[in-house]
Amino acid sequence: MMEKIVISASGNIAVWQNTRRLGRVDPDEIRELKRGHGGNLVVYGSLGVIGSLVELGLVDEFHLLVHPVFLREGEALFQGGRPPQRLELISAEPFTSGVVLMKYRPVGRTPAS
């Protein structure tokens, strides 16, 4: 069974089987997890955690699902004030729904082993 890691300073997390809580994004702990035997790390649903991982240079790939909908409001993926990060397209896979899965990696980085 896949281990779930929840990053929560408050400690308020859902109770799932095989879940561990981290109180914050600790670069050394994230690097250790990346070196572990579980394979790739995937982050769902937390722009704050993703932003922290990007700032620490710990993101190897971005998997972006683009939906054919034009929203007129919403939250930016990352907040301003930082220089742009160039991305290199790895692949693009369209689905019959019109959704496209695009995979990118930061330019100049190779995935961590």
C-alpha atoms as a PDB file:
ATOM      1  CA  MET A   1       0.000   0.000   0.000  1.00  0.00           C
ATOM      2  CA  MET A   2       1.250   3.463  -0.883  1.00  0.00           C
ATOM      3  CA  GLU A   3       2.306   5.672   2.009  1.00  0.00           C
ATOM      4  CA  LYS A   4       0.542   9.029   2.228  1.00  0.00           C
ATOM      5  CA  ILE A   5       2.429  11.979   3.644  1.00  0.00           C
ATOM      6  CA  VAL A   6       0.452  15.010   4.766  1.00  0.00           C
ATOM      7  CA  ILE A   7       2.197  18.308   5.471  1.00  0.00           C
ATOM      8  CA  SER A   8       0.210  20.158   8.111  1.00  0.00           C
ATOM      9  CA  ALA A   9       1.450  22.624  10.700  1.00  0.00           C
ATOM     10  CA  SER A  10      -1.894  22.503  12.516  1.00  0.00           C
ATOM     11  CA  GLY A  11      -2.016  18.724  12.743  1.00  0.00           C
ATOM     12  CA  ASN A  12      -5.574  18.708  11.377  1.00  0.00           C
ATOM     13  CA  ILE A  13      -5.473  15.887   8.848  1.00  0.00           C
ATOM     14  CA  ALA A  14      -7.809  13.208   7.569  1.00  0.00           C
ATOM     15  CA  VAL A  15      -7.274   9.773   9.020  1.00  0.00           C
ATOM     16  CA  TRP A  16      -6.195   7.496   6.194  1.00  0.00           C
ATOM     17  CA  GLN A  17      -4.559   4.147   6.423  1.00  0.00           C
ATOM     18  CA  ASN A  18      -0.751   4.295   6.060  1.00  0.00           C
ATOM     19  CA  THR A  19      -0.540   8.076   6.628  1.00  0.00           C
ATOM     20  CA  ARG A  20       2.293  10.084   8.151  1.00  0.00           C
ATOM     21  CA  ARG A  21       2.222  13.800   9.028  1.00  0.00           C
ATOM     22  CA  LEU A  22       5.066  16.264   8.561  1.00  0.00           C
ATOM     23  CA  GLY A  23       4.752  19.559  10.393  1.00  0.00           C
ATOM     24  CA  ARG A  24       6.513  21.543   7.664  1.00  0.00           C
ATOM     25  CA  VAL A  25       8.467  21.238   4.423  1.00  0.00           C
ATOM     26  CA  ASP A  26      11.914  20.180   5.619  1.00  0.00           C
ATOM     27  CA  PRO A  27      14.388  20.056   2.684  1.00  0.00           C
ATOM     28  CA  ASP A  28      16.479  17.249   4.200  1.00  0.00           C
ATOM     29  CA  GLU A  29      13.431  15.135   4.949  1.00  0.00           C
ATOM     30  CA  ILE A  30      12.035  15.672   1.432  1.00  0.00           C
ATOM     31  CA  ARG A  31      15.390  14.696  -0.116  1.00  0.00           C
ATOM     32  CA  GLU A  32      15.420  11.545   2.025  1.00  0.00           C
ATOM     33  CA  LEU A  33      11.886  10.690   0.889  1.00  0.00           C
ATOM     34  CA  LYS A  34      12.929  11.189  -2.739  1.00  0.00           C
ATOM     35  CA  ARG A  35      15.842   8.776  -2.250  1.00  0.00           C
ATOM     36  CA  GLY A  36      13.576   6.206  -0.579  1.00  0.00           C
ATOM     37  CA  HIS A  37      12.256   2.976  -2.020  1.00  0.00           C
ATOM     38  CA  GLY A  38       8.712   4.215  -2.650  1.00  0.00           C
ATOM     39  CA  GLY A  39       9.341   5.788  -6.042  1.00  0.00           C
ATOM     40  CA  ASN A  40       8.274   9.259  -7.077  1.00  0.00           C
ATOM     41  CA  LEU A  41       6.610  11.775  -4.776  1.00  0.00           C
ATOM     42  CA  VAL A  42       3.366  13.302  -5.998  1.00  0.00           C
ATOM     43  CA  VAL A  43       1.781  16.427  -4.501  1.00  0.00           C
ATOM     44  CA  TYR A  44      -1.951  17.044  -4.857  1.00  0.00           C
ATOM     45  CA  GLY A  45      -3.856  20.144  -3.927  1.00  0.00           C
ATOM     46  CA  SER A  46      -1.499  22.372  -1.974  1.00  0.00           C
ATOM     47  CA  LEU A  47      -0.111  25.441  -3.696  1.00  0.00           C
ATOM     48  CA  GLY A  48       1.726  26.347  -0.491  1.00  0.00           C
ATOM     49  CA  VAL A  49       3.585  23.032  -0.364  1.00  0.00           C
ATOM     50  CA  ILE A  50       4.306  23.120  -4.098  1.00  0.00           C
ATOM     51  CA  GLY A  51       5.594  26.693  -3.823  1.00  0.00           C
ATOM     52  CA  SER A  52       7.916  25.696  -0.977  1.00  0.00           C
ATOM     53  CA  LEU A  53       9.245  22.710  -2.946  1.00  0.00           C
ATOM     54  CA  VAL A  54       9.850  24.908  -6.000  1.00  0.00           C
ATOM     55  CA  GLU A  55      11.723  27.499  -3.905  1.00  0.00           C
ATOM     56  CA  LEU A  56      13.947  24.722  -2.530  1.00  0.00           C
ATOM     57  CA  GLY A  57      14.647  23.303  -6.002  1.00  0.00           C
ATOM     58  CA  LEU A  58      13.024  19.971  -5.101  1.00  0.00           C
ATOM     59  CA  VAL A  59      10.580  19.672  -8.024  1.00  0.00           C
ATOM     60  CA  ASP A  60      11.770  17.408 -10.825  1.00  0.00           C
ATOM     61  CA  GLU A  61       8.616  17.557 -12.965  1.00  0.00           C
ATOM     62  CA  PHE A  62       5.316  19.383 -13.220  1.00  0.00           C
ATOM     63  CA  HIS A  63       2.296  17.440 -14.488  1.00  0.00           C
ATOM     64  CA  LEU A  64      -0.319  19.965 -15.549  1.00  0.00           C
ATOM     65  CA  LEU A  65      -3.827  19.057 -16.662  1.00  0.00           C
ATOM     66  CA  VAL A  66      -5.246  21.753 -18.923  1.00  0.00           C
ATOM     67  CA  HIS A  67      -9.027  21.715 -19.162  1.00  0.00           C
ATOM     68  CA  PRO A  68     -10.840  23.366 -22.098  1.00  0.00           C
ATOM     69  CA  VAL A  69     -12.557  25.905 -19.834  1.00  0.00           C
ATOM     70  CA  PHE A  70     -11.829  29.601 -19.541  1.00  0.00           C
ATOM     71  CA  LEU A  71     -12.187  30.725 -15.913  1.00  0.00           C
ATOM     72  CA  ARG A  72     -12.534  34.413 -15.260  1.00  0.00           C
ATOM     73  CA  GLU A  73     -11.230  34.268 -11.706  1.00  0.00           C
ATOM     74  CA  GLY A  74      -9.157  32.033  -9.475  1.00  0.00           C
ATOM     75  CA  GLU A  75      -5.866  31.653  -7.703  1.00  0.00           C
ATOM     76  CA  ALA A  76      -2.550  31.838  -9.545  1.00  0.00           C
ATOM     77  CA  LEU A  77      -0.388  28.734  -9.437  1.00  0.00           C
ATOM     78  CA  PHE A  78       2.381  30.789  -7.802  1.00  0.00           C
ATOM     79  CA  GLN A  79       2.285  34.251  -6.290  1.00  0.00           C
ATOM     80  CA  GLY A  80       4.330  37.072  -7.833  1.00  0.00           C
ATOM     81  CA  GLY A  81       7.642  38.528  -6.784  1.00  0.00           C
ATOM     82  CA  ARG A  82       9.880  35.749  -8.068  1.00  0.00           C
ATOM     83  CA  PRO A  83      11.663  35.566 -11.428  1.00  0.00           C
ATOM     84  CA  PRO A  84      10.130  33.261 -14.046  1.00  0.00           C
ATOM     85  CA  GLN A  85      11.300  29.642 -14.147  1.00  0.00           C
ATOM     86  CA  ARG A  86      11.727  28.272 -17.659  1.00  0.00           C
ATOM     87  CA  LEU A  87      10.248  24.836 -18.245  1.00  0.00           C
ATOM     88  CA  GLU A  88      11.060  22.204 -20.844  1.00  0.00           C
ATOM     89  CA  LEU A  89       8.197  20.173 -22.319  1.00  0.00           C
ATOM     90  CA  ILE A  90       8.645  16.438 -21.747  1.00  0.00           C
ATOM     91  CA  SER A  91       5.342  15.272 -23.223  1.00  0.00           C
ATOM     92  CA  ALA A  92       1.787  16.291 -24.045  1.00  0.00           C
ATOM     93  CA  GLU A  93      -1.063  13.788 -24.063  1.00  0.00           C
ATOM     94  CA  PRO A  94      -4.539  14.848 -25.206  1.00  0.00           C
ATOM     95  CA  PHE A  95      -7.614  12.959 -24.003  1.00  0.00           C
ATOM     96  CA  THR A  96     -10.957  12.587 -25.804  1.00  0.00           C
ATOM     97  CA  SER A  97     -12.514  14.948 -23.218  1.00  0.00           C
ATOM     98  CA  GLY A  98     -10.331  17.775 -24.523  1.00  0.00           C
ATOM     99  CA  VAL A  99      -8.139  17.740 -21.402  1.00  0.00           C
ATOM    100  CA  VAL A 100      -4.404  17.723 -22.130  1.00  0.00           C
ATOM    101  CA  LEU A 101      -1.801  16.329 -19.718  1.00  0.00           C
ATOM    102  CA  MET A 102       1.445  18.233 -20.153  1.00  0.00           C
ATOM    103  CA  LYS A 103       4.623  17.175 -18.382  1.00  0.00           C
ATOM    104  CA  TYR A 104       7.417  19.711 -17.891  1.00  0.00           C
ATOM    105  CA  ARG A 105      10.743  19.805 -16.081  1.00  0.00           C
ATOM    106  CA  PRO A 106      12.617  22.912 -14.972  1.00  0.00           C
ATOM    107  CA  VAL A 107      15.219  23.869 -17.586  1.00  0.00           C
ATOM    108  CA  GLY A 108      18.713  22.792 -16.624  1.00  0.00           C
ATOM    109  CA  ARG A 109      17.565  20.092 -14.181  1.00  0.00           C
ATOM    110  CA  THR A 110      17.606  16.371 -14.562  1.00  0.00           C
ATOM    111  CA  PRO A 111      15.389  14.272 -12.305  1.00  0.00           C
ATOM    112  CA  ALA A 112      16.961  13.345  -8.980  1.00  0.00           C
ATOM    113  CA  SER A 113      17.855   9.690  -8.684  1.00  0.00           C
END
